[in-house]
Amino acid sequence: PPCCVRWAQTAVPTSAPSYTLDELAKAAMTLMDTGRQAELQGLLAAFGVEALPALPKELYGSFATALREKGAQI
């Protein structure tokens, strides 16, 4: 029903943590430092970008979650 969809759209952004490009870059560097550059490149490709600065801000939270799943601290 429309009421539930409207609730989900307003509830999700307020509960999601926000990240900065700097925080994402530092977490990504932990993967690079452990020789996992290919995994990081694959992750960036999965988000449709070639480099972290090209990642749209609305995807920062999802990207942070994906980095965490790879073992990065963020």
C-alpha atoms as a PDB file:
ATOM      1  CA  PRO A   1       0.000   0.000   0.000  1.00  0.00           C
ATOM      2  CA  PRO A   2       1.128   3.579  -0.636  1.00  0.00           C
ATOM      3  CA  CYS A   3       1.186   4.395   3.081  1.00  0.00           C
ATOM      4  CA  CYS A   4       3.824   1.752   3.773  1.00  0.00           C
ATOM      5  CA  VAL A   5       6.023   2.801   0.872  1.00  0.00           C
ATOM      6  CA  ARG A   6       5.908   6.423   2.016  1.00  0.00           C
ATOM      7  CA  TRP A   7       6.896   5.375   5.551  1.00  0.00           C
ATOM      8  CA  ALA A   8       9.856   3.336   4.267  1.00  0.00           C
ATOM      9  CA  GLN A   9      11.126   6.246   2.183  1.00  0.00           C
ATOM     10  CA  THR A  10      11.136   8.595   5.157  1.00  0.00           C
ATOM     11  CA  ALA A  11      12.400   6.083   7.728  1.00  0.00           C
ATOM     12  CA  VAL A  12      15.399   4.692   5.896  1.00  0.00           C
ATOM     13  CA  PRO A  13      17.462   7.882   5.353  1.00  0.00           C
ATOM     14  CA  THR A  14      17.070   9.050   8.952  1.00  0.00           C
ATOM     15  CA  SER A  15      18.357   5.760  10.373  1.00  0.00           C
ATOM     16  CA  ALA A  16      21.249   5.226   7.961  1.00  0.00           C
ATOM     17  CA  PRO A  17      24.687   6.354   9.131  1.00  0.00           C
ATOM     18  CA  SER A  18      26.452   8.841   6.913  1.00  0.00           C
ATOM     19  CA  TYR A  19      30.018   8.536   5.704  1.00  0.00           C
ATOM     20  CA  THR A  20      32.463  10.950   4.126  1.00  0.00           C
ATOM     21  CA  LEU A  21      34.623  10.318   1.098  1.00  0.00           C
ATOM     22  CA  ASP A  22      37.645  10.487   3.418  1.00  0.00           C
ATOM     23  CA  GLU A  23      36.268   7.725   5.649  1.00  0.00           C
ATOM     24  CA  LEU A  24      35.546   5.523   2.645  1.00  0.00           C
ATOM     25  CA  ALA A  25      39.014   6.179   1.223  1.00  0.00           C
ATOM     26  CA  LYS A  26      40.710   5.239   4.501  1.00  0.00           C
ATOM     27  CA  ALA A  27      38.707   2.015   4.712  1.00  0.00           C
ATOM     28  CA  ALA A  28      39.476   1.221   1.062  1.00  0.00           C
ATOM     29  CA  MET A  29      43.180   1.753   1.754  1.00  0.00           C
ATOM     30  CA  THR A  30      43.089  -1.035   4.331  1.00  0.00           C
ATOM     31  CA  LEU A  31      42.124  -3.404   1.514  1.00  0.00           C
ATOM     32  CA  MET A  32      44.870  -1.993  -0.703  1.00  0.00           C
ATOM     33  CA  ASP A  33      47.428  -2.379   2.091  1.00  0.00           C
ATOM     34  CA  THR A  34      46.625  -6.079   2.401  1.00  0.00           C
ATOM     35  CA  GLY A  35      47.113  -6.723  -1.319  1.00  0.00           C
ATOM     36  CA  ARG A  36      43.426  -6.851  -2.185  1.00  0.00           C
ATOM     37  CA  GLN A  37      43.437  -4.206  -4.920  1.00  0.00           C
ATOM     38  CA  ALA A  38      41.571  -6.509  -7.322  1.00  0.00           C
ATOM     39  CA  GLU A  39      38.749  -6.921  -4.805  1.00  0.00           C
ATOM     40  CA  LEU A  40      38.522  -3.176  -4.352  1.00  0.00           C
ATOM     41  CA  GLN A  41      38.448  -2.609  -8.118  1.00  0.00           C
ATOM     42  CA  GLY A  42      35.724  -5.235  -8.422  1.00  0.00           C
ATOM     43  CA  LEU A  43      33.730  -3.539  -5.703  1.00  0.00           C
ATOM     44  CA  LEU A  44      34.043  -0.150  -7.401  1.00  0.00           C
ATOM     45  CA  ALA A  45      32.964  -1.735 -10.699  1.00  0.00           C
ATOM     46  CA  ALA A  46      29.959  -3.306  -8.964  1.00  0.00           C
ATOM     47  CA  PHE A  47      28.926   0.216  -7.940  1.00  0.00           C
ATOM     48  CA  GLY A  48      29.405   1.444 -11.518  1.00  0.00           C
ATOM     49  CA  VAL A  49      32.480   3.616 -10.972  1.00  0.00           C
ATOM     50  CA  GLU A  50      36.177   3.320 -11.757  1.00  0.00           C
ATOM     51  CA  ALA A  51      37.408   5.358  -8.785  1.00  0.00           C
ATOM     52  CA  LEU A  52      36.072   6.230  -5.354  1.00  0.00           C
ATOM     53  CA  PRO A  53      35.665   9.998  -6.009  1.00  0.00           C
ATOM     54  CA  ALA A  54      33.172   9.127  -8.771  1.00  0.00           C
ATOM     55  CA  LEU A  55      30.901   7.274  -6.332  1.00  0.00           C
ATOM     56  CA  PRO A  56      27.603   9.163  -5.858  1.00  0.00           C
ATOM     57  CA  LYS A  57      27.110  10.335  -2.268  1.00  0.00           C
ATOM     58  CA  GLU A  58      23.810   8.477  -1.998  1.00  0.00           C
ATOM     59  CA  LEU A  59      25.773   5.214  -2.375  1.00  0.00           C
ATOM     60  CA  TYR A  60      28.305   5.938   0.386  1.00  0.00           C
ATOM     61  CA  GLY A  61      26.383   3.939   2.997  1.00  0.00           C
ATOM     62  CA  SER A  62      26.012   0.900   0.744  1.00  0.00           C
ATOM     63  CA  PHE A  63      29.666   1.106  -0.256  1.00  0.00           C
ATOM     64  CA  ALA A  64      30.706   1.311   3.404  1.00  0.00           C
ATOM     65  CA  THR A  65      28.667  -1.818   4.128  1.00  0.00           C
ATOM     66  CA  ALA A  66      30.313  -3.613   1.209  1.00  0.00           C
ATOM     67  CA  LEU A  67      33.769  -2.573   2.456  1.00  0.00           C
ATOM     68  CA  ARG A  68      32.910  -3.856   5.915  1.00  0.00           C
ATOM     69  CA  GLU A  69      31.857  -7.184   4.399  1.00  0.00           C
ATOM     70  CA  LYS A  70      35.338  -7.377   2.824  1.00  0.00           C
ATOM     71  CA  GLY A  71      36.906  -6.875   6.247  1.00  0.00           C
ATOM     72  CA  ALA A  72      37.632  -3.153   6.167  1.00  0.00           C
ATOM     73  CA  GLN A  73      37.217  -1.183   9.370  1.00  0.00           C
ATOM     74  CA  ILE A  74      34.706   1.620   8.914  1.00  0.00           C
END
